[in-house]
Amino acid sequence: MSAVGAFLLRRRGRGWHWTDVVTWIWLISGVFLMFGPAVWLVFSSFKTPAALAEFPPSFLPYVTEQADVSGYDKPLPLYNVIMPDGSTRVLAEVRRIGIIGQMVDPKQPGEIVKANIKDRTPVRKVEFAGGNYTEPFQRFDFFLFLRNSVFVTVAATAITLLVNSMAAFALSKYQFPGRTAVMLMILATLMVPLSVIVVPLYSVIGTLNLFDSLWGVILPTVATPTGVFLLRQYMLTIPDELIDAARMDKASEWQIYWRIILPLSAPALAVLAIFSVVWRWNDFLWPLIVLSRKELYTLQVGLNVYAGELNVQWHYILAMTVVSMIPVVLIFVFLQRFITTGIAGSGLK
């Protein structure tokens, strides 16, 4: 820890230079901008619906304390009430009529005390609503949505790596007329957004009878120009002498691809795997178009179930959003060491 502290607190010279101050402000601001929304999301996922509706919003998940009062069936919320003589009492609210709250002393509930809502503040404490995470699994089909998303992501990523690596192998190691033109055509498709090709894809899926099928979500997006370009640029760095030596040893083209090219392209494949997982896991528009049966919904489409026409269950949406972030974060943590190597080796800037 001392070495880390010395690294973080090192300065230009003996004193604090103005560039040190600017650097610290810049870095701290960047940390808040990057991680502030994620931390806010995590804390908000533990809030009750009432706490989420508060204005101004609070950072921590506060709840109003309640007390059991004799003569009342349900616990009553507690408030700090400023009395006419200037003293403060802790009273429980029985009901509210307009701007007047009818309050009682929990210890002496026989007397009704009327107080203006301006003269009271709730007695609050920090409490994490764990039910936001458990209830969707118990009452809704969140496990089913999660399973569908895992299947779509894993299958699409595996097929994407196979298809894109085979195309990249051909475009990097085989000499044939029109190779550059084919690569340019593939790169040109990067400028075509999904919204433009939704209708043709819809027609193709309908012709293949893949509606209401998870394969209808997987197959149309397995070939990506980004993946082909990334892998091709990396494979260009692999010496051709290795392939010539393998051919002299009578290795087939499939053996060269499977036993030489793929192992040597592991860093670039890891980068593409990260990209593919993020794309498929967060995809919303295409699954929403293809899938109509609830039992086939992916996670992102399933989260929309909590948003009704008249009522939006934000506490469930926020909690399940946090859950949906966990697999992507874990994959990034385990594979992030390949990102710099893979991108640098592919020639991307």
Protein backbone atom coordinates (compact mmCIF):
# COMPACT_ATOMS: atom_id res chain seq x y z
CA MET A 1 0.00 0.00 0.00
CA SER A 2 2.90 2.37 0.72
CA ALA A 3 4.17 1.96 -2.84
CA VAL A 4 0.70 2.69 -4.24
CA GLY A 5 0.36 5.76 -2.03
CA ALA A 6 3.78 7.03 -3.08
CA PHE A 7 2.84 6.55 -6.74
CA LEU A 8 -0.47 8.41 -6.35
CA LEU A 9 0.97 11.29 -4.32
CA ARG A 10 4.15 11.89 -6.32
CA ARG A 11 4.65 15.50 -7.43
CA ARG A 12 6.84 17.65 -9.62
CA GLY A 13 9.71 18.68 -7.37
CA ARG A 14 9.33 19.11 -3.63
CA GLY A 15 6.23 21.28 -3.56
CA TRP A 16 2.85 21.18 -5.26
CA HIS A 17 3.08 22.43 -8.82
CA TRP A 18 -0.06 23.86 -10.45
CA THR A 19 0.02 21.00 -12.96
CA ASP A 20 -0.23 18.53 -10.05
CA VAL A 21 -3.40 20.23 -8.86
CA VAL A 22 -4.91 20.30 -12.35
CA THR A 23 -4.04 16.63 -12.84
CA TRP A 24 -5.67 15.64 -9.57
CA ILE A 25 -8.83 17.62 -10.36
CA TRP A 26 -8.94 16.12 -13.85
CA LEU A 27 -8.50 12.53 -12.65
CA ILE A 28 -10.96 12.84 -9.75
CA SER A 29 -13.54 14.40 -12.08
CA GLY A 30 -13.04 11.53 -14.51
CA VAL A 31 -13.54 8.97 -11.74
CA PHE A 32 -16.79 10.62 -10.68
CA LEU A 33 -18.04 10.86 -14.26
CA MET A 34 -17.25 7.21 -15.02
CA PHE A 35 -18.21 5.49 -11.78
CA GLY A 36 -20.70 7.96 -10.28
CA PRO A 37 -23.70 6.79 -12.37
CA ALA A 38 -22.90 3.12 -11.71
CA VAL A 39 -22.62 3.68 -7.94
CA TRP A 40 -25.85 5.69 -7.99
CA LEU A 41 -27.55 2.85 -9.86
CA VAL A 42 -26.41 0.27 -7.30
CA PHE A 43 -27.62 2.29 -4.31
CA SER A 44 -30.89 3.21 -6.04
CA SER A 45 -31.57 -0.46 -6.72
CA PHE A 46 -31.95 -0.95 -2.96
CA LYS A 47 -34.52 1.84 -2.57
CA THR A 48 -38.23 1.39 -2.04
CA PRO A 49 -40.70 2.86 -4.58
CA ALA A 50 -41.43 5.70 -2.13
CA ALA A 51 -37.73 6.52 -1.78
CA LEU A 52 -37.29 6.56 -5.56
CA ALA A 53 -40.15 9.05 -5.89
CA GLU A 54 -38.62 11.51 -3.41
CA PHE A 55 -37.50 14.93 -4.55
CA PRO A 56 -34.79 15.97 -4.14
CA PRO A 57 -33.44 12.44 -4.44
CA SER A 58 -31.09 11.00 -1.85
CA PHE A 59 -27.92 9.05 -2.52
CA LEU A 60 -28.43 6.39 0.15
CA PRO A 61 -31.57 4.20 0.40
CA TYR A 62 -33.41 5.94 3.24
CA VAL A 63 -36.76 4.70 4.59
CA THR A 64 -39.13 6.33 7.06
CA GLU A 65 -39.11 4.61 10.43
CA GLN A 66 -42.41 3.14 11.59
CA ALA A 67 -43.80 2.27 15.00
CA ASP A 68 -46.56 -0.01 16.25
CA VAL A 69 -49.18 2.14 17.93
CA SER A 70 -51.87 0.76 20.20
CA GLY A 71 -55.29 0.88 18.54
CA TYR A 72 -53.99 0.80 14.95
CA ASP A 73 -53.64 -2.31 12.83
CA LYS A 74 -50.64 -1.23 10.77
CA PRO A 75 -47.36 0.45 11.80
CA LEU A 76 -47.48 4.23 11.47
CA PRO A 77 -44.67 6.42 10.01
CA LEU A 78 -42.74 8.58 12.47
CA TYR A 79 -42.02 12.29 12.09
CA ASN A 80 -40.11 14.95 13.97
CA VAL A 81 -42.79 17.60 14.49
CA ILE A 82 -42.08 21.19 15.54
CA MET A 83 -44.74 22.17 18.06
CA PRO A 84 -46.21 25.70 18.41
CA ASP A 85 -44.04 26.34 21.47
CA GLY A 86 -40.88 25.57 19.48
CA SER A 87 -40.23 22.14 20.95
CA THR A 88 -39.79 19.00 18.84
CA ARG A 89 -41.70 15.78 19.36
CA VAL A 90 -41.59 12.43 17.63
CA LEU A 91 -45.15 11.67 16.49
CA ALA A 92 -46.76 9.04 14.28
CA GLU A 93 -48.99 10.03 11.36
CA VAL A 94 -52.50 8.55 11.41
CA ARG A 95 -53.70 10.22 8.24
CA ARG A 96 -53.11 13.29 6.13
CA ILE A 97 -55.81 15.69 4.99
CA GLY A 98 -54.47 18.27 2.56
CA ILE A 99 -51.52 20.01 4.20
CA ILE A 100 -52.54 18.95 7.70
CA GLY A 101 -51.35 15.69 9.18
CA GLN A 102 -53.18 14.06 12.05
CA MET A 103 -50.52 12.81 14.43
CA VAL A 104 -50.44 10.81 17.66
CA ASP A 105 -47.81 10.18 20.28
CA PRO A 106 -46.85 6.48 20.06
CA LYS A 107 -46.65 6.35 23.86
CA GLN A 108 -49.97 8.20 24.38
CA PRO A 109 -52.08 7.46 21.31
CA GLY A 110 -55.33 8.77 22.72
CA GLU A 111 -54.76 12.44 21.75
CA ILE A 112 -54.79 13.60 18.10
CA VAL A 113 -52.30 16.35 17.31
CA LYS A 114 -52.69 18.32 14.08
CA ALA A 115 -49.51 19.53 12.38
CA ASN A 116 -48.75 21.31 9.15
CA ILE A 117 -46.62 19.20 6.81
CA LYS A 118 -44.14 22.10 6.64
CA ASP A 119 -43.44 21.70 10.35
CA ARG A 120 -42.41 18.06 10.23
CA THR A 121 -39.63 15.93 8.85
CA PRO A 122 -39.64 12.14 8.58
CA VAL A 123 -37.56 10.07 10.95
CA ARG A 124 -35.41 8.14 8.51
CA LYS A 125 -32.80 5.43 8.56
CA VAL A 126 -30.68 3.68 5.96
CA GLU A 127 -32.24 0.37 4.96
CA PHE A 128 -31.49 -1.78 1.94
CA ALA A 129 -34.58 -3.23 0.27
CA GLY A 130 -33.30 -6.70 -0.56
CA GLY A 131 -36.72 -7.66 -1.86
CA ASN A 132 -35.97 -5.71 -5.03
CA TYR A 133 -33.58 -8.54 -5.94
CA THR A 134 -35.40 -11.57 -4.55
CA GLU A 135 -38.98 -10.85 -5.64
CA PRO A 136 -38.30 -10.80 -9.42
CA PHE A 137 -36.81 -14.29 -9.12
CA GLN A 138 -39.69 -15.57 -6.97
CA ARG A 139 -42.71 -13.87 -8.58
CA PHE A 140 -41.60 -13.26 -12.16
CA ASP A 141 -39.80 -15.20 -14.90
CA PHE A 142 -36.45 -13.51 -14.43
CA PHE A 143 -34.56 -16.82 -14.30
CA LEU A 144 -36.11 -17.71 -17.67
CA PHE A 145 -35.09 -14.36 -19.17
CA LEU A 146 -31.59 -14.80 -17.77
CA ARG A 147 -31.27 -18.29 -19.24
CA ASN A 148 -32.42 -17.09 -22.68
CA SER A 149 -29.90 -14.24 -22.63
CA VAL A 150 -27.08 -16.57 -21.62
CA PHE A 151 -27.94 -18.98 -24.44
CA VAL A 152 -28.19 -16.21 -27.04
CA THR A 153 -24.96 -14.57 -25.90
CA VAL A 154 -22.90 -17.75 -25.70
CA ALA A 155 -24.18 -19.21 -28.99
CA ALA A 156 -23.89 -15.93 -30.90
CA THR A 157 -20.40 -15.25 -29.56
CA ALA A 158 -19.16 -18.75 -30.44
CA ILE A 159 -20.57 -18.58 -33.98
CA THR A 160 -19.29 -15.02 -34.40
CA LEU A 161 -15.75 -16.04 -33.49
CA LEU A 162 -15.88 -19.01 -35.87
CA VAL A 163 -17.40 -17.20 -38.87
CA ASN A 164 -15.39 -14.00 -38.53
CA SER A 165 -12.08 -15.82 -37.95
CA MET A 166 -12.62 -17.99 -41.04
CA ALA A 167 -13.37 -14.92 -43.15
CA ALA A 168 -10.37 -13.08 -41.70
CA PHE A 169 -8.12 -16.09 -42.38
CA ALA A 170 -9.16 -16.15 -46.02
CA LEU A 171 -8.76 -12.40 -46.47
CA SER A 172 -5.35 -12.27 -44.79
CA LYS A 173 -3.57 -15.43 -45.94
CA TYR A 174 -5.01 -16.25 -49.37
CA GLN A 175 -4.15 -14.35 -52.54
CA PHE A 176 -7.07 -14.09 -54.97
CA PRO A 177 -8.42 -11.44 -57.36
CA GLY A 178 -10.71 -8.92 -55.70
CA ARG A 179 -9.49 -9.55 -52.17
CA THR A 180 -9.08 -5.86 -51.44
CA ALA A 181 -12.48 -5.06 -52.99
CA VAL A 182 -14.15 -7.69 -50.82
CA MET A 183 -12.53 -6.21 -47.72
CA LEU A 184 -13.64 -2.71 -48.68
CA MET A 185 -17.20 -3.92 -49.21
CA ILE A 186 -17.16 -5.51 -45.75
CA LEU A 187 -15.87 -2.29 -44.19
CA ALA A 188 -18.47 -0.28 -46.07
CA THR A 189 -21.22 -2.13 -44.22
CA LEU A 190 -20.00 -0.47 -41.01
CA MET A 191 -21.74 2.69 -42.20
CA VAL A 192 -25.10 0.93 -42.53
CA PRO A 193 -27.06 1.13 -39.23
CA LEU A 194 -29.30 -1.69 -38.06
CA SER A 195 -32.43 0.41 -38.50
CA VAL A 196 -31.80 0.49 -42.27
CA ILE A 197 -31.63 -3.29 -42.67
CA VAL A 198 -34.37 -4.21 -40.19
CA VAL A 199 -36.96 -4.71 -42.93
CA PRO A 200 -34.76 -6.99 -45.13
CA LEU A 201 -33.71 -8.98 -42.05
CA TYR A 202 -37.36 -9.25 -41.05
CA SER A 203 -38.20 -10.69 -44.46
CA VAL A 204 -35.33 -13.18 -44.34
CA ILE A 205 -36.28 -14.37 -40.87
CA GLY A 206 -39.88 -14.75 -41.95
CA THR A 207 -38.88 -16.80 -45.00
CA LEU A 208 -36.76 -19.12 -42.83
CA ASN A 209 -39.56 -19.51 -40.25
CA LEU A 210 -37.35 -18.27 -37.44
CA PHE A 211 -39.88 -15.98 -35.80
CA ASP A 212 -40.40 -16.67 -32.10
CA SER A 213 -37.12 -18.57 -32.04
CA LEU A 214 -33.90 -17.70 -30.26
CA TRP A 215 -32.03 -18.72 -33.41
CA GLY A 216 -33.82 -15.88 -35.18
CA VAL A 217 -32.07 -13.54 -32.73
CA ILE A 218 -28.68 -15.24 -33.03
CA LEU A 219 -28.08 -15.93 -36.72
CA PRO A 220 -28.65 -12.53 -38.42
CA THR A 221 -25.89 -10.84 -36.39
CA VAL A 222 -23.12 -13.47 -36.30
CA ALA A 223 -21.09 -11.95 -39.18
CA THR A 224 -19.77 -8.55 -38.11
CA PRO A 225 -17.51 -6.31 -40.22
CA THR A 226 -15.79 -5.09 -37.06
CA GLY A 227 -14.81 -8.63 -36.14
CA VAL A 228 -13.56 -9.49 -39.62
CA PHE A 229 -11.45 -6.34 -39.80
CA LEU A 230 -10.06 -6.78 -36.27
CA LEU A 231 -9.06 -10.41 -36.83
CA ARG A 232 -7.73 -9.84 -40.36
CA GLN A 233 -5.41 -7.07 -39.21
CA TYR A 234 -4.09 -9.28 -36.43
CA MET A 235 -3.65 -12.31 -38.68
CA LEU A 236 -1.59 -10.24 -41.11
CA THR A 237 1.09 -10.11 -38.41
CA ILE A 238 1.38 -13.92 -38.33
CA PRO A 239 4.37 -14.99 -40.50
CA ASP A 240 3.44 -16.80 -43.70
CA GLU A 241 6.45 -19.08 -43.16
CA LEU A 242 4.50 -20.90 -40.43
CA ILE A 243 1.75 -21.72 -42.92
CA ASP A 244 4.25 -22.78 -45.60
CA ALA A 245 5.98 -25.08 -43.11
CA ALA A 246 2.66 -26.63 -42.12
CA ARG A 247 1.78 -27.25 -45.77
CA MET A 248 5.14 -28.92 -46.29
CA ASP A 249 4.22 -31.23 -43.40
CA LYS A 250 1.05 -32.06 -45.35
CA ALA A 251 -1.30 -30.24 -42.99
CA SER A 252 -4.71 -29.49 -44.47
CA GLU A 253 -6.04 -25.96 -44.70
CA TRP A 254 -8.47 -26.71 -41.85
CA GLN A 255 -5.59 -27.95 -39.66
CA ILE A 256 -3.61 -24.82 -40.43
CA TYR A 257 -6.58 -22.67 -39.47
CA TRP A 258 -7.50 -24.65 -36.34
CA ARG A 259 -4.06 -25.52 -34.96
CA ILE A 260 -1.93 -22.54 -36.01
CA ILE A 261 -3.98 -19.46 -36.84
CA LEU A 262 -6.57 -19.64 -34.05
CA PRO A 263 -4.10 -20.24 -31.17
CA LEU A 264 -1.86 -17.42 -32.38
CA SER A 265 -4.89 -15.10 -32.72
CA ALA A 266 -6.05 -15.65 -29.12
CA PRO A 267 -5.60 -11.98 -28.02
CA ALA A 268 -7.67 -10.66 -30.93
CA LEU A 269 -10.28 -13.39 -30.42
CA ALA A 270 -10.55 -12.37 -26.75
CA VAL A 271 -11.15 -8.75 -27.74
CA LEU A 272 -13.82 -9.77 -30.24
CA ALA A 273 -15.39 -12.06 -27.63
CA ILE A 274 -15.70 -9.14 -25.21
CA PHE A 275 -17.28 -6.96 -27.89
CA SER A 276 -19.64 -9.73 -28.95
CA VAL A 277 -20.78 -10.46 -25.40
CA VAL A 278 -21.52 -6.79 -24.79
CA TRP A 279 -23.39 -6.45 -28.11
CA ARG A 280 -25.53 -9.56 -27.66
CA TRP A 281 -26.16 -9.14 -23.95
CA ASN A 282 -27.37 -5.55 -24.32
CA ASP A 283 -29.27 -6.04 -27.57
CA PHE A 284 -32.87 -4.87 -27.27
CA LEU A 285 -34.30 -3.83 -30.65
CA TRP A 286 -33.80 -7.04 -32.65
CA PRO A 287 -35.04 -9.46 -29.93
CA LEU A 288 -38.04 -7.18 -29.43
CA ILE A 289 -38.88 -7.51 -33.14
CA VAL A 290 -38.31 -11.25 -33.47
CA LEU A 291 -39.75 -12.53 -30.19
CA SER A 292 -43.39 -12.26 -29.19
CA ARG A 293 -43.76 -15.10 -26.69
CA LYS A 294 -42.86 -14.18 -23.13
CA GLU A 295 -41.09 -17.46 -22.44
CA LEU A 296 -38.54 -16.59 -25.16
CA TYR A 297 -37.77 -13.05 -24.00
CA THR A 298 -34.15 -12.15 -23.40
CA LEU A 299 -33.12 -10.18 -20.36
CA GLN A 300 -33.30 -6.73 -21.93
CA VAL A 301 -36.75 -7.37 -23.39
CA GLY A 302 -37.88 -9.00 -20.15
CA LEU A 303 -36.98 -5.89 -18.17
CA ASN A 304 -39.59 -4.06 -20.21
CA VAL A 305 -42.23 -6.22 -18.50
CA TYR A 306 -41.78 -4.11 -15.37
CA ALA A 307 -42.75 -0.96 -17.29
CA GLY A 308 -46.54 -0.96 -17.53
CA GLU A 309 -48.75 1.58 -19.25
CA LEU A 310 -49.73 3.29 -16.00
CA ASN A 311 -47.14 2.01 -13.54
CA VAL A 312 -43.38 1.60 -13.87
CA GLN A 313 -41.75 -0.61 -11.23
CA TRP A 314 -38.49 1.26 -11.10
CA HIS A 315 -37.21 -0.60 -8.04
CA TYR A 316 -37.35 -3.91 -9.93
CA ILE A 317 -35.93 -2.42 -13.12
CA LEU A 318 -32.95 -0.90 -11.31
CA ALA A 319 -32.22 -4.07 -9.34
CA MET A 320 -32.40 -6.33 -12.37
CA THR A 321 -30.29 -3.87 -14.35
CA VAL A 322 -27.56 -4.31 -11.76
CA VAL A 323 -27.91 -8.09 -12.04
CA SER A 324 -27.69 -7.87 -15.83
CA MET A 325 -24.45 -5.88 -15.55
CA ILE A 326 -22.64 -8.52 -13.49
CA PRO A 327 -21.84 -11.05 -16.29
CA VAL A 328 -20.47 -8.36 -18.61
CA VAL A 329 -18.32 -6.88 -15.84
CA LEU A 330 -16.94 -10.31 -14.90
CA ILE A 331 -16.08 -11.16 -18.51
CA PHE A 332 -14.35 -7.82 -18.91
CA VAL A 333 -12.37 -8.32 -15.69
CA PHE A 334 -11.12 -11.75 -16.75
CA LEU A 335 -10.38 -10.84 -20.38
CA GLN A 336 -9.35 -7.20 -20.12
CA ARG A 337 -5.64 -8.10 -20.16
CA PHE A 338 -6.10 -9.20 -23.79
CA ILE A 339 -7.64 -5.89 -24.92
CA THR A 340 -4.44 -3.86 -25.21
CA THR A 341 -2.51 -6.71 -26.83
CA GLY A 342 -5.31 -7.57 -29.25
CA ILE A 343 -6.07 -4.03 -30.36
CA ALA A 344 -2.41 -3.03 -30.62
CA GLY A 345 -1.60 -6.13 -32.64
CA SER A 346 -4.52 -5.54 -35.01
CA GLY A 347 -3.32 -2.10 -35.99
CA LEU A 348 -6.37 -0.26 -34.60
CA LYS A 349 -5.78 3.20 -33.18
